[in-house]
Amino acid sequence: MSEGLEILHLISQRGGCLLSELATELGIPKNSVQSWVSMLCSTGYLKRDGEELSECSCRKSGMKCVCCHCSCEEKTASSENRIELTERGRSLIRRKWDEKTGSEIISGNGRLSRNNICTQ
């Protein structure tokens, strides 16, 4: 889960990134980044620059699609599309990420209230 948040945070800071930039900057294998990006795209937290709802953007750009893993044509580094946050992704980052410390924010004092504690 922390890798996914790191990916969202880096994209948020830069206003968009290439898949290769994410892998290099975070020191995460490109296959792992691709899996995270695919999942985050399918759940609505990320989108590919120029992505249209009706068809995969890789059909236009001639690259291997990060989101759906299709390979319409051979991928070239120069045509790699940027990955951007959606409004849903920006909302998650605003709620979950403390910009100063780079850690997740726990609401309240982080303790369970008395009525949420299990008793035997």
PDB file of N, CA and C in Angstrom:
ATOM      1  N   MET A   1       0.813  -1.194   0.000  1.00  0.00           N
ATOM      2  CA  MET A   1       0.000   0.000   0.000  1.00  0.00           C
ATOM      3  C   MET A   1       0.859   1.262   0.000  1.00  0.00           C
ATOM      4  N   SER A   2       1.997   1.225   0.699  1.00  0.00           N
ATOM      5  CA  SER A   2       2.835   2.420   0.757  1.00  0.00           C
ATOM      6  C   SER A   2       3.410   2.770  -0.615  1.00  0.00           C
ATOM      7  N   GLU A   3       3.717   1.760  -1.449  1.00  0.00           N
ATOM      8  CA  GLU A   3       4.213   2.049  -2.798  1.00  0.00           C
ATOM      9  C   GLU A   3       3.148   2.788  -3.599  1.00  0.00           C
ATOM     10  N   GLY A   4       1.908   2.367  -3.477  1.00  0.00           N
ATOM     11  CA  GLY A   4       0.810   3.029  -4.179  1.00  0.00           C
ATOM     12  C   GLY A   4       0.670   4.479  -3.758  1.00  0.00           C
ATOM     13  N   LEU A   5       0.770   4.746  -2.457  1.00  0.00           N
ATOM     14  CA  LEU A   5       0.701   6.125  -1.968  1.00  0.00           C
ATOM     15  C   LEU A   5       1.907   6.936  -2.414  1.00  0.00           C
ATOM     16  N   GLU A   6       3.079   6.314  -2.445  1.00  0.00           N
ATOM     17  CA  GLU A   6       4.278   7.012  -2.930  1.00  0.00           C
ATOM     18  C   GLU A   6       4.112   7.406  -4.393  1.00  0.00           C
ATOM     19  N   ILE A   7       3.545   6.514  -5.185  1.00  0.00           N
ATOM     20  CA  ILE A   7       3.303   6.802  -6.603  1.00  0.00           C
ATOM     21  C   ILE A   7       2.335   7.969  -6.731  1.00  0.00           C
ATOM     22  N   LEU A   8       1.219   7.920  -5.997  1.00  0.00           N
ATOM     23  CA  LEU A   8       0.243   9.009  -6.045  1.00  0.00           C
ATOM     24  C   LEU A   8       0.868  10.328  -5.589  1.00  0.00           C
ATOM     25  N   HIS A   9       1.660  10.279  -4.547  1.00  0.00           N
ATOM     26  CA  HIS A   9       2.271  11.501  -4.016  1.00  0.00           C
ATOM     27  C   HIS A   9       3.250  12.118  -5.018  1.00  0.00           C
ATOM     28  N   LEU A  10       4.087  11.306  -5.639  1.00  0.00           N
ATOM     29  CA  LEU A  10       5.047  11.827  -6.612  1.00  0.00           C
ATOM     30  C   LEU A  10       4.329  12.433  -7.818  1.00  0.00           C
ATOM     31  N   ILE A  11       3.301  11.759  -8.295  1.00  0.00           N
ATOM     32  CA  ILE A  11       2.536  12.297  -9.425  1.00  0.00           C
ATOM     33  C   ILE A  11       1.876  13.609  -9.017  1.00  0.00           C
ATOM     34  N   SER A  12       1.375  13.671  -7.788  1.00  0.00           N
ATOM     35  CA  SER A  12       0.756  14.894  -7.276  1.00  0.00           C
ATOM     36  C   SER A  12       1.755  16.045  -7.233  1.00  0.00           C
ATOM     37  N   GLN A  13       2.961  15.779  -6.742  1.00  0.00           N
ATOM     38  CA  GLN A  13       3.996  16.817  -6.644  1.00  0.00           C
ATOM     39  C   GLN A  13       4.397  17.356  -8.008  1.00  0.00           C
ATOM     40  N   ARG A  14       4.489  16.487  -8.984  1.00  0.00           N
ATOM     41  CA  ARG A  14       4.984  16.882 -10.307  1.00  0.00           C
ATOM     42  C   ARG A  14       3.887  17.290 -11.270  1.00  0.00           C
ATOM     43  N   GLY A  15       2.641  17.023 -10.929  1.00  0.00           N
ATOM     44  CA  GLY A  15       1.549  17.327 -11.844  1.00  0.00           C
ATOM     45  C   GLY A  15       1.473  16.340 -12.989  1.00  0.00           C
ATOM     46  N   GLY A  16       2.073  15.186 -12.830  1.00  0.00           N
ATOM     47  CA  GLY A  16       2.083  14.141 -13.852  1.00  0.00           C
ATOM     48  C   GLY A  16       3.489  13.592 -14.021  1.00  0.00           C
ATOM     49  N   CYS A  17       3.592  12.337 -14.423  1.00  0.00           N
ATOM     50  CA  CYS A  17       4.894  11.676 -14.606  1.00  0.00           C
ATOM     51  C   CYS A  17       4.789  10.644 -15.712  1.00  0.00           C
ATOM     52  N   LEU A  18       5.922  10.259 -16.239  1.00  0.00           N
ATOM     53  CA  LEU A  18       6.007   9.108 -17.122  1.00  0.00           C
ATOM     54  C   LEU A  18       6.236   7.874 -16.261  1.00  0.00           C
ATOM     55  N   LEU A  19       5.806   6.728 -16.744  1.00  0.00           N
ATOM     56  CA  LEU A  19       5.999   5.471 -16.029  1.00  0.00           C
ATOM     57  C   LEU A  19       7.477   5.249 -15.707  1.00  0.00           C
ATOM     58  N   SER A  20       8.338   5.510 -16.679  1.00  0.00           N
ATOM     59  CA  SER A  20       9.778   5.315 -16.474  1.00  0.00           C
ATOM     60  C   SER A  20      10.328   6.258 -15.404  1.00  0.00           C
ATOM     61  N   GLU A  21       9.807   7.495 -15.335  1.00  0.00           N
ATOM     62  CA  GLU A  21      10.232   8.440 -14.300  1.00  0.00           C
ATOM     63  C   GLU A  21       9.847   7.941 -12.910  1.00  0.00           C
ATOM     64  N   LEU A  22       8.633   7.398 -12.794  1.00  0.00           N
ATOM     65  CA  LEU A  22       8.177   6.871 -11.505  1.00  0.00           C
ATOM     66  C   LEU A  22       9.094   5.760 -11.016  1.00  0.00           C
ATOM     67  N   ALA A  23       9.393   4.817 -11.901  1.00  0.00           N
ATOM     68  CA  ALA A  23      10.236   3.677 -11.533  1.00  0.00           C
ATOM     69  C   ALA A  23      11.623   4.141 -11.097  1.00  0.00           C
ATOM     70  N   THR A  24      12.210   5.056 -11.844  1.00  0.00           N
ATOM     71  CA  THR A  24      13.553   5.548 -11.533  1.00  0.00           C
ATOM     72  C   THR A  24      13.568   6.337 -10.232  1.00  0.00           C
ATOM     73  N   GLU A  25      12.663   7.285 -10.109  1.00  0.00           N
ATOM     74  CA  GLU A  25      12.626   8.171  -8.940  1.00  0.00           C
ATOM     75  C   GLU A  25      12.350   7.418  -7.641  1.00  0.00           C
ATOM     76  N   LEU A  26      11.440   6.454  -7.685  1.00  0.00           N
ATOM     77  CA  LEU A  26      11.053   5.740  -6.469  1.00  0.00           C
ATOM     78  C   LEU A  26      11.897   4.499  -6.201  1.00  0.00           C
ATOM     79  N   GLY A  27      12.704   4.089  -7.186  1.00  0.00           N
ATOM     80  CA  GLY A  27      13.520   2.893  -7.014  1.00  0.00           C
ATOM     81  C   GLY A  27      12.695   1.622  -6.939  1.00  0.00           C
ATOM     82  N   ILE A  28      11.580   1.626  -7.650  1.00  0.00           N
ATOM     83  CA  ILE A  28      10.670   0.479  -7.684  1.00  0.00           C
ATOM     84  C   ILE A  28      10.778  -0.138  -9.073  1.00  0.00           C
ATOM     85  N   PRO A  29      10.812  -1.463  -9.185  1.00  0.00           N
ATOM     86  CA  PRO A  29      10.874  -2.082 -10.513  1.00  0.00           C
ATOM     87  C   PRO A  29       9.725  -1.604 -11.408  1.00  0.00           C
ATOM     88  N   LYS A  30      10.036  -1.409 -12.682  1.00  0.00           N
ATOM     89  CA  LYS A  30       9.053  -0.885 -13.627  1.00  0.00           C
ATOM     90  C   LYS A  30       7.800  -1.760 -13.684  1.00  0.00           C
ATOM     91  N   ASN A  31       7.959  -3.085 -13.576  1.00  0.00           N
ATOM     92  CA  ASN A  31       6.795  -3.977 -13.590  1.00  0.00           C
ATOM     93  C   ASN A  31       5.875  -3.708 -12.408  1.00  0.00           C
ATOM     94  N   SER A  32       6.458  -3.440 -11.236  1.00  0.00           N
ATOM     95  CA  SER A  32       5.653  -3.132 -10.050  1.00  0.00           C
ATOM     96  C   SER A  32       4.928  -1.805 -10.220  1.00  0.00           C
ATOM     97  N   VAL A  33       5.642  -0.808 -10.742  1.00  0.00           N
ATOM     98  CA  VAL A  33       5.018   0.496 -10.979  1.00  0.00           C
ATOM     99  C   VAL A  33       3.870   0.341 -11.969  1.00  0.00           C
ATOM    100  N   GLN A  34       4.093  -0.445 -13.017  1.00  0.00           N
ATOM    101  CA  GLN A  34       3.055  -0.661 -14.021  1.00  0.00           C
ATOM    102  C   GLN A  34       1.825  -1.316 -13.395  1.00  0.00           C
ATOM    103  N   SER A  35       2.030  -2.279 -12.509  1.00  0.00           N
ATOM    104  CA  SER A  35       0.906  -2.934 -11.830  1.00  0.00           C
ATOM    105  C   SER A  35       0.143  -1.948 -10.949  1.00  0.00           C
ATOM    106  N   TRP A  36       0.880  -1.146 -10.185  1.00  0.00           N
ATOM    107  CA  TRP A  36       0.232  -0.141  -9.340  1.00  0.00           C
ATOM    108  C   TRP A  36      -0.545   0.868 -10.182  1.00  0.00           C
ATOM    109  N   VAL A  37       0.074   1.368 -11.244  1.00  0.00           N
ATOM    110  CA  VAL A  37      -0.580   2.360 -12.097  1.00  0.00           C
ATOM    111  C   VAL A  37      -1.829   1.766 -12.738  1.00  0.00           C
ATOM    112  N   SER A  38      -1.745   0.532 -13.174  1.00  0.00           N
ATOM    113  CA  SER A  38      -2.900  -0.144 -13.761  1.00  0.00           C
ATOM    114  C   SER A  38      -4.054  -0.208 -12.772  1.00  0.00           C
ATOM    115  N   MET A  39      -3.753  -0.614 -11.540  1.00  0.00           N
ATOM    116  CA  MET A  39      -4.782  -0.709 -10.512  1.00  0.00           C
ATOM    117  C   MET A  39      -5.340   0.669 -10.164  1.00  0.00           C
ATOM    118  N   LEU A  40      -4.464   1.669 -10.043  1.00  0.00           N
ATOM    119  CA  LEU A  40      -4.913   3.013  -9.697  1.00  0.00           C
ATOM    120  C   LEU A  40      -5.708   3.664 -10.826  1.00  0.00           C
ATOM    121  N   CYS A  41      -5.402   3.313 -12.079  1.00  0.00           N
ATOM    122  CA  CYS A  41      -6.204   3.790 -13.214  1.00  0.00           C
ATOM    123  C   CYS A  41      -7.586   3.137 -13.200  1.00  0.00           C
ATOM    124  N   SER A  42      -7.611   1.830 -12.985  1.00  0.00           N
ATOM    125  CA  SER A  42      -8.886   1.107 -13.031  1.00  0.00           C
ATOM    126  C   SER A  42      -9.811   1.492 -11.883  1.00  0.00           C
ATOM    127  N   THR A  43      -9.254   2.002 -10.785  1.00  0.00           N
ATOM    128  CA  THR A  43     -10.086   2.420  -9.658  1.00  0.00           C
ATOM    129  C   THR A  43     -10.360   3.923  -9.660  1.00  0.00           C
ATOM    130  N   GLY A  44      -9.871   4.624 -10.675  1.00  0.00           N
ATOM    131  CA  GLY A  44     -10.216   6.029 -10.848  1.00  0.00           C
ATOM    132  C   GLY A  44      -9.314   7.033 -10.157  1.00  0.00           C
ATOM    133  N   TYR A  45      -8.166   6.610  -9.624  1.00  0.00           N
ATOM    134  CA  TYR A  45      -7.257   7.541  -8.954  1.00  0.00           C
ATOM    135  C   TYR A  45      -6.258   8.176  -9.912  1.00  0.00           C
ATOM    136  N   LEU A  46      -5.958   7.506 -11.016  1.00  0.00           N
ATOM    137  CA  LEU A  46      -5.031   8.019 -12.020  1.00  0.00           C
ATOM    138  C   LEU A  46      -5.668   7.949 -13.395  1.00  0.00           C
ATOM    139  N   LYS A  47      -5.135   8.742 -14.308  1.00  0.00           N
ATOM    140  CA  LYS A  47      -5.522   8.639 -15.718  1.00  0.00           C
ATOM    141  C   LYS A  47      -4.293   8.905 -16.560  1.00  0.00           C
ATOM    142  N   ARG A  48      -4.340   8.388 -17.750  1.00  0.00           N
ATOM    143  CA  ARG A  48      -3.260   8.653 -18.693  1.00  0.00           C
ATOM    144  C   ARG A  48      -3.599   9.929 -19.447  1.00  0.00           C
ATOM    145  N   ASP A  49      -2.611  10.770 -19.667  1.00  0.00           N
ATOM    146  CA  ASP A  49      -2.798  12.019 -20.392  1.00  0.00           C
ATOM    147  C   ASP A  49      -3.411  11.726 -21.751  1.00  0.00           C
ATOM    148  N   GLY A  50      -4.499  12.388 -22.065  1.00  0.00           N
ATOM    149  CA  GLY A  50      -5.150  12.203 -23.357  1.00  0.00           C
ATOM    150  C   GLY A  50      -6.061  11.003 -23.419  1.00  0.00           C
ATOM    151  N   GLU A  51      -6.265  10.318 -22.298  1.00  0.00           N
ATOM    152  CA  GLU A  51      -7.099   9.123 -22.292  1.00  0.00           C
ATOM    153  C   GLU A  51      -8.556   9.498 -22.544  1.00  0.00           C
ATOM    154  N   GLU A  52      -9.192   8.748 -23.404  1.00  0.00           N
ATOM    155  CA  GLU A  52     -10.603   8.940 -23.677  1.00  0.00           C
ATOM    156  C   GLU A  52     -11.357   7.735 -23.169  1.00  0.00           C
ATOM    157  N   LEU A  53     -12.593   7.958 -22.769  1.00  0.00           N
ATOM    158  CA  LEU A  53     -13.378   6.872 -22.214  1.00  0.00           C
ATOM    159  C   LEU A  53     -13.732   5.818 -23.248  1.00  0.00           C
ATOM    160  N   SER A  54     -13.904   6.210 -24.497  1.00  0.00           N
ATOM    161  CA  SER A  54     -14.385   5.271 -25.508  1.00  0.00           C
ATOM    162  C   SER A  54     -13.332   4.276 -25.986  1.00  0.00           C
ATOM    163  N   GLU A  55     -12.080   4.655 -25.969  1.00  0.00           N
ATOM    164  CA  GLU A  55     -11.040   3.733 -26.426  1.00  0.00           C
ATOM    165  C   GLU A  55      -9.720   3.990 -25.726  1.00  0.00           C
ATOM    166  N   CYS A  56      -8.877   3.023 -25.759  1.00  0.00           N
ATOM    167  CA  CYS A  56      -7.574   3.104 -25.110  1.00  0.00           C
ATOM    168  C   CYS A  56      -6.692   4.121 -25.843  1.00  0.00           C
ATOM    169  N   SER A  57      -6.012   4.975 -25.083  1.00  0.00           N
ATOM    170  CA  SER A  57      -5.171   6.005 -25.698  1.00  0.00           C
ATOM    171  C   SER A  57      -3.963   5.425 -26.422  1.00  0.00           C
ATOM    172  N   CYS A  58      -3.582   4.181 -26.103  1.00  0.00           N
ATOM    173  CA  CYS A  58      -2.412   3.601 -26.764  1.00  0.00           C
ATOM    174  C   CYS A  58      -2.687   3.362 -28.245  1.00  0.00           C
ATOM    175  N   ARG A  59      -3.936   3.247 -28.621  1.00  0.00           N
ATOM    176  CA  ARG A  59      -4.264   3.055 -30.038  1.00  0.00           C
ATOM    177  C   ARG A  59      -3.848   4.282 -30.851  1.00  0.00           C
ATOM    178  N   LYS A  60      -3.876   5.436 -30.213  1.00  0.00           N
ATOM    179  CA  LYS A  60      -3.487   6.665 -30.904  1.00  0.00           C
ATOM    180  C   LYS A  60      -1.984   6.909 -30.819  1.00  0.00           C
ATOM    181  N   SER A  61      -1.380   6.593 -29.684  1.00  0.00           N
ATOM    182  CA  SER A  61       0.020   6.951 -29.480  1.00  0.00           C
ATOM    183  C   SER A  61       1.005   5.874 -29.916  1.00  0.00           C
ATOM    184  N   GLY A  62       0.518   4.648 -30.144  1.00  0.00           N
ATOM    185  CA  GLY A  62       1.410   3.584 -30.576  1.00  0.00           C
ATOM    186  C   GLY A  62       2.311   3.058 -29.484  1.00  0.00           C
ATOM    187  N   MET A  63       1.834   3.052 -28.254  1.00  0.00           N
ATOM    188  CA  MET A  63       2.643   2.541 -27.153  1.00  0.00           C
ATOM    189  C   MET A  63       1.895   1.460 -26.395  1.00  0.00           C
ATOM    190  N   LYS A  64       2.613   0.708 -25.596  1.00  0.00           N
ATOM    191  CA  LYS A  64       1.970  -0.295 -24.755  1.00  0.00           C
ATOM    192  C   LYS A  64       1.240   0.435 -23.638  1.00  0.00           C
ATOM    193  N   CYS A  65      -0.020   0.143 -23.496  1.00  0.00           N
ATOM    194  CA  CYS A  65      -0.855   0.857 -22.543  1.00  0.00           C
ATOM    195  C   CYS A  65      -0.542   0.430 -21.113  1.00  0.00           C
ATOM    196  N   VAL A  66      -0.334   1.394 -20.238  1.00  0.00           N
ATOM    197  CA  VAL A  66      -0.064   1.121 -18.834  1.00  0.00           C
ATOM    198  C   VAL A  66      -1.326   0.609 -18.150  1.00  0.00           C
ATOM    199  N   CYS A  67      -2.473   1.149 -18.513  1.00  0.00           N
ATOM    200  CA  CYS A  67      -3.712   0.810 -17.808  1.00  0.00           C
ATOM    201  C   CYS A  67      -4.286  -0.542 -18.193  1.00  0.00           C
ATOM    202  N   CYS A  68      -4.353  -0.847 -19.466  1.00  0.00           N
ATOM    203  CA  CYS A  68      -5.020  -2.095 -19.862  1.00  0.00           C
ATOM    204  C   CYS A  68      -4.047  -3.157 -20.361  1.00  0.00           C
ATOM    205  N   HIS A  69      -2.775  -2.859 -20.410  1.00  0.00           N
ATOM    206  CA  HIS A  69      -1.725  -3.806 -20.806  1.00  0.00           C
ATOM    207  C   HIS A  69      -1.870  -4.323 -22.238  1.00  0.00           C
ATOM    208  N   CYS A  70      -2.638  -3.651 -23.073  1.00  0.00           N
ATOM    209  CA  CYS A  70      -2.697  -4.099 -24.459  1.00  0.00           C
ATOM    210  C   CYS A  70      -1.417  -3.650 -25.161  1.00  0.00           C
ATOM    211  N   SER A  71      -1.116  -4.245 -26.264  1.00  0.00           N
ATOM    212  CA  SER A  71       0.078  -3.816 -26.996  1.00  0.00           C
ATOM    213  C   SER A  71      -0.306  -3.611 -28.451  1.00  0.00           C
ATOM    214  N   CYS A  72      -0.942  -2.481 -28.705  1.00  0.00           N
ATOM    215  CA  CYS A  72      -1.425  -2.176 -30.051  1.00  0.00           C
ATOM    216  C   CYS A  72      -0.270  -2.096 -31.039  1.00  0.00           C
ATOM    217  N   GLU A  73       0.791  -1.442 -30.649  1.00  0.00           N
ATOM    218  CA  GLU A  73       1.985  -1.311 -31.475  1.00  0.00           C
ATOM    219  C   GLU A  73       3.188  -1.334 -30.551  1.00  0.00           C
ATOM    220  N   GLU A  74       4.357  -1.375 -31.102  1.00  0.00           N
ATOM    221  CA  GLU A  74       5.584  -1.382 -30.297  1.00  0.00           C
ATOM    222  C   GLU A  74       5.715  -0.068 -29.527  1.00  0.00           C
ATOM    223  N   LYS A  75       6.036  -0.170 -28.257  1.00  0.00           N
ATOM    224  CA  LYS A  75       6.199   1.009 -27.414  1.00  0.00           C
ATOM    225  C   LYS A  75       7.522   1.700 -27.729  1.00  0.00           C
ATOM    226  N   THR A  76       7.476   3.010 -27.799  1.00  0.00           N
ATOM    227  CA  THR A  76       8.709   3.778 -27.950  1.00  0.00           C
ATOM    228  C   THR A  76       8.779   4.775 -26.810  1.00  0.00           C
ATOM    229  N   ALA A  77       9.962   4.989 -26.276  1.00  0.00           N
ATOM    230  CA  ALA A  77      10.132   5.866 -25.118  1.00  0.00           C
ATOM    231  C   ALA A  77       9.676   7.286 -25.410  1.00  0.00           C
ATOM    232  N   SER A  78       9.867   7.740 -26.635  1.00  0.00           N
ATOM    233  CA  SER A  78       9.518   9.119 -26.956  1.00  0.00           C
ATOM    234  C   SER A  78       8.018   9.352 -26.994  1.00  0.00           C
ATOM    235  N   SER A  79       7.223   8.301 -27.153  1.00  0.00           N
ATOM    236  CA  SER A  79       5.776   8.492 -27.224  1.00  0.00           C
ATOM    237  C   SER A  79       5.066   8.090 -25.937  1.00  0.00           C
ATOM    238  N   GLU A  80       5.820   7.865 -24.860  1.00  0.00           N
ATOM    239  CA  GLU A  80       5.218   7.465 -23.591  1.00  0.00           C
ATOM    240  C   GLU A  80       4.351   8.603 -23.046  1.00  0.00           C
ATOM    241  N   ASN A  81       3.098   8.297 -22.743  1.00  0.00           N
ATOM    242  CA  ASN A  81       2.179   9.306 -22.224  1.00  0.00           C
ATOM    243  C   ASN A  81       2.403   9.552 -20.744  1.00  0.00           C
ATOM    244  N   ARG A  82       2.070  10.765 -20.328  1.00  0.00           N
ATOM    245  CA  ARG A  82       2.152  11.111 -18.912  1.00  0.00           C
ATOM    246  C   ARG A  82       0.987  10.483 -18.160  1.00  0.00           C
ATOM    247  N   ILE A  83       1.221  10.183 -16.891  1.00  0.00           N
ATOM    248  CA  ILE A  83       0.195   9.661 -16.005  1.00  0.00           C
ATOM    249  C   ILE A  83      -0.153  10.787 -15.048  1.00  0.00           C
ATOM    250  N   GLU A  84      -1.442  11.064 -14.879  1.00  0.00           N
ATOM    251  CA  GLU A  84      -1.875  12.181 -14.049  1.00  0.00           C
ATOM    252  C   GLU A  84      -2.887  11.723 -13.012  1.00  0.00           C
ATOM    253  N   LEU A  85      -3.005  12.512 -11.941  1.00  0.00           N
ATOM    254  CA  LEU A  85      -4.019  12.251 -10.931  1.00  0.00           C
ATOM    255  C   LEU A  85      -5.384  12.681 -11.438  1.00  0.00           C
ATOM    256  N   THR A  86      -6.403  11.945 -11.062  1.00  0.00           N
ATOM    257  CA  THR A  86      -7.775  12.381 -11.289  1.00  0.00           C
ATOM    258  C   THR A  86      -8.184  13.199 -10.068  1.00  0.00           C
ATOM    259  N   GLU A  87      -9.366  13.768 -10.095  1.00  0.00           N
ATOM    260  CA  GLU A  87      -9.870  14.494  -8.925  1.00  0.00           C
ATOM    261  C   GLU A  87      -9.963  13.558  -7.722  1.00  0.00           C
ATOM    262  N   ARG A  88     -10.351  12.320  -7.969  1.00  0.00           N
ATOM    263  CA  ARG A  88     -10.426  11.330  -6.888  1.00  0.00           C
ATOM    264  C   ARG A  88      -9.039  11.095  -6.275  1.00  0.00           C
ATOM    265  N   GLY A  89      -8.013  11.026  -7.103  1.00  0.00           N
ATOM    266  CA  GLY A  89      -6.648  10.854  -6.615  1.00  0.00           C
ATOM    267  C   GLY A  89      -6.169  12.059  -5.820  1.00  0.00           C
ATOM    268  N   ARG A  90      -6.481  13.269  -6.312  1.00  0.00           N
ATOM    269  CA  ARG A  90      -6.098  14.487  -5.591  1.00  0.00           C
ATOM    270  C   ARG A  90      -6.776  14.540  -4.227  1.00  0.00           C
ATOM    271  N   SER A  91      -8.028  14.129  -4.182  1.00  0.00           N
ATOM    272  CA  SER A  91      -8.770  14.113  -2.923  1.00  0.00           C
ATOM    273  C   SER A  91      -8.136  13.149  -1.925  1.00  0.00           C
ATOM    274  N   LEU A  92      -7.721  11.977  -2.403  1.00  0.00           N
ATOM    275  CA  LEU A  92      -7.073  10.995  -1.528  1.00  0.00           C
ATOM    276  C   LEU A  92      -5.767  11.544  -0.972  1.00  0.00           C
ATOM    277  N   ILE A  93      -4.973  12.170  -1.821  1.00  0.00           N
ATOM    278  CA  ILE A  93      -3.701  12.739  -1.373  1.00  0.00           C
ATOM    279  C   ILE A  93      -3.945  13.834  -0.340  1.00  0.00           C
ATOM    280  N   ARG A  94      -4.940  14.683  -0.578  1.00  0.00           N
ATOM    281  CA  ARG A  94      -5.232  15.747   0.394  1.00  0.00           C
ATOM    282  C   ARG A  94      -5.625  15.167   1.749  1.00  0.00           C
ATOM    283  N   ARG A  95      -6.367  14.067   1.737  1.00  0.00           N
ATOM    284  CA  ARG A  95      -6.825  13.457   2.991  1.00  0.00           C
ATOM    285  C   ARG A  95      -5.747  12.652   3.684  1.00  0.00           C
ATOM    286  N   LYS A  96      -4.915  11.953   2.935  1.00  0.00           N
ATOM    287  CA  LYS A  96      -4.039  10.942   3.518  1.00  0.00           C
ATOM    288  C   LYS A  96      -2.570  11.313   3.634  1.00  0.00           C
ATOM    289  N   TRP A  97      -2.129  12.384   3.042  1.00  0.00           N
ATOM    290  CA  TRP A  97      -0.684  12.632   2.996  1.00  0.00           C
ATOM    291  C   TRP A  97      -0.324  13.947   3.670  1.00  0.00           C
ATOM    292  N   ASP A  98       0.556  13.921   4.617  1.00  0.00           N
ATOM    293  CA  ASP A  98       1.047  15.117   5.269  1.00  0.00           C
ATOM    294  C   ASP A  98       2.257  15.599   4.481  1.00  0.00           C
ATOM    295  N   GLU A  99       2.128  16.725   3.800  1.00  0.00           N
ATOM    296  CA  GLU A  99       3.183  17.233   2.917  1.00  0.00           C
ATOM    297  C   GLU A  99       4.502  17.486   3.658  1.00  0.00           C
ATOM    298  N   LYS A 100       4.438  17.878   4.921  1.00  0.00           N
ATOM    299  CA  LYS A 100       5.659  18.230   5.653  1.00  0.00           C
ATOM    300  C   LYS A 100       6.465  17.008   6.062  1.00  0.00           C
ATOM    301  N   THR A 101       5.800  15.960   6.518  1.00  0.00           N
ATOM    302  CA  THR A 101       6.526  14.807   7.042  1.00  0.00           C
ATOM    303  C   THR A 101       6.573  13.645   6.082  1.00  0.00           C
ATOM    304  N   GLY A 102       5.710  13.656   5.057  1.00  0.00           N
ATOM    305  CA  GLY A 102       5.683  12.541   4.122  1.00  0.00           C
ATOM    306  C   GLY A 102       5.108  11.285   4.735  1.00  0.00           C
ATOM    307  N   SER A 103       4.256  11.460   5.742  1.00  0.00           N
ATOM    308  CA  SER A 103       3.647  10.291   6.378  1.00  0.00           C
ATOM    309  C   SER A 103       2.135  10.394   6.310  1.00  0.00           C
ATOM    310  N   GLU A 104       1.491   9.269   6.514  1.00  0.00           N
ATOM    311  CA  GLU A 104       0.042   9.272   6.498  1.00  0.00           C
ATOM    312  C   GLU A 104      -0.484   9.989   7.729  1.00  0.00           C
ATOM    313  N   ILE A 105      -1.585  10.691   7.554  1.00  0.00           N
ATOM    314  CA  ILE A 105      -2.215  11.396   8.655  1.00  0.00           C
ATOM    315  C   ILE A 105      -3.232  10.463   9.294  1.00  0.00           C
ATOM    316  N   ILE A 106      -3.162  10.322  10.598  1.00  0.00           N
ATOM    317  CA  ILE A 106      -4.151   9.540  11.327  1.00  0.00           C
ATOM    318  C   ILE A 106      -5.042  10.541  12.037  1.00  0.00           C
ATOM    319  N   SER A 107      -6.342  10.487  11.748  1.00  0.00           N
ATOM    320  CA  SER A 107      -7.239  11.462  12.350  1.00  0.00           C
ATOM    321  C   SER A 107      -7.342  11.225  13.849  1.00  0.00           C
ATOM    322  N   GLY A 108      -7.632  12.289  14.585  1.00  0.00           N
ATOM    323  CA  GLY A 108      -7.715  12.178  16.037  1.00  0.00           C
ATOM    324  C   GLY A 108      -6.343  11.928  16.619  1.00  0.00           C
ATOM    325  N   ASN A 109      -6.307  11.193  17.712  1.00  0.00           N
ATOM    326  CA  ASN A 109      -5.024  10.903  18.348  1.00  0.00           C
ATOM    327  C   ASN A 109      -4.495   9.531  17.973  1.00  0.00           C
ATOM    328  N   GLY A 110      -5.173   8.827  17.062  1.00  0.00           N
ATOM    329  CA  GLY A 110      -4.719   7.522  16.620  1.00  0.00           C
ATOM    330  C   GLY A 110      -5.128   6.393  17.536  1.00  0.00           C
ATOM    331  N   ARG A 111      -5.906   6.706  18.562  1.00  0.00           N
ATOM    332  CA  ARG A 111      -6.354   5.684  19.508  1.00  0.00           C
ATOM    333  C   ARG A 111      -7.806   5.326  19.249  1.00  0.00           C
ATOM    334  N   LEU A 112      -8.141   4.096  19.563  1.00  0.00           N
ATOM    335  CA  LEU A 112      -9.530   3.668  19.452  1.00  0.00           C
ATOM    336  C   LEU A 112     -10.339   4.305  20.566  1.00  0.00           C
ATOM    337  N   SER A 113     -11.576   4.683  20.244  1.00  0.00           N
ATOM    338  CA  SER A 113     -12.444   5.185  21.301  1.00  0.00           C
ATOM    339  C   SER A 113     -12.879   4.012  22.169  1.00  0.00           C
ATOM    340  N   ARG A 114     -13.318   4.301  23.372  1.00  0.00           N
ATOM    341  CA  ARG A 114     -13.661   3.268  24.336  1.00  0.00           C
ATOM    342  C   ARG A 114     -14.707   2.298  23.790  1.00  0.00           C
ATOM    343  N   ASN A 115     -15.683   2.775  23.041  1.00  0.00           N
ATOM    344  CA  ASN A 115     -16.741   1.896  22.528  1.00  0.00           C
ATOM    345  C   ASN A 115     -16.280   1.037  21.352  1.00  0.00           C
ATOM    346  N   ASN A 116     -15.075   1.248  20.817  1.00  0.00           N
ATOM    347  CA  ASN A 116     -14.544   0.425  19.731  1.00  0.00           C
ATOM    348  C   ASN A 116     -13.543  -0.624  20.204  1.00  0.00           C
ATOM    349  N   ILE A 117     -13.282  -0.668  21.502  1.00  0.00           N
ATOM    350  CA  ILE A 117     -12.314  -1.620  22.036  1.00  0.00           C
ATOM    351  C   ILE A 117     -13.019  -2.934  22.339  1.00  0.00           C
ATOM    352  N   CYS A 118     -12.450  -4.041  21.864  1.00  0.00           N
ATOM    353  CA  CYS A 118     -13.028  -5.363  22.111  1.00  0.00           C
ATOM    354  C   CYS A 118     -12.750  -5.776  23.546  1.00  0.00           C
ATOM    355  N   THR A 119     -13.740  -6.331  24.187  1.00  0.00           N
ATOM    356  CA  THR A 119     -13.556  -6.851  25.539  1.00  0.00           C
ATOM    357  C   THR A 119     -13.869  -8.324  25.545  1.00  0.00           C
ATOM    358  N   GLN A 120     -13.250  -9.029  26.474  1.00  0.00           N
ATOM    359  CA  GLN A 120     -13.489 -10.472  26.545  1.00  0.00           C
ATOM    360  C   GLN A 120     -14.407 -10.809  27.675  1.00  0.00           C
TER     361      GLN A 120
END
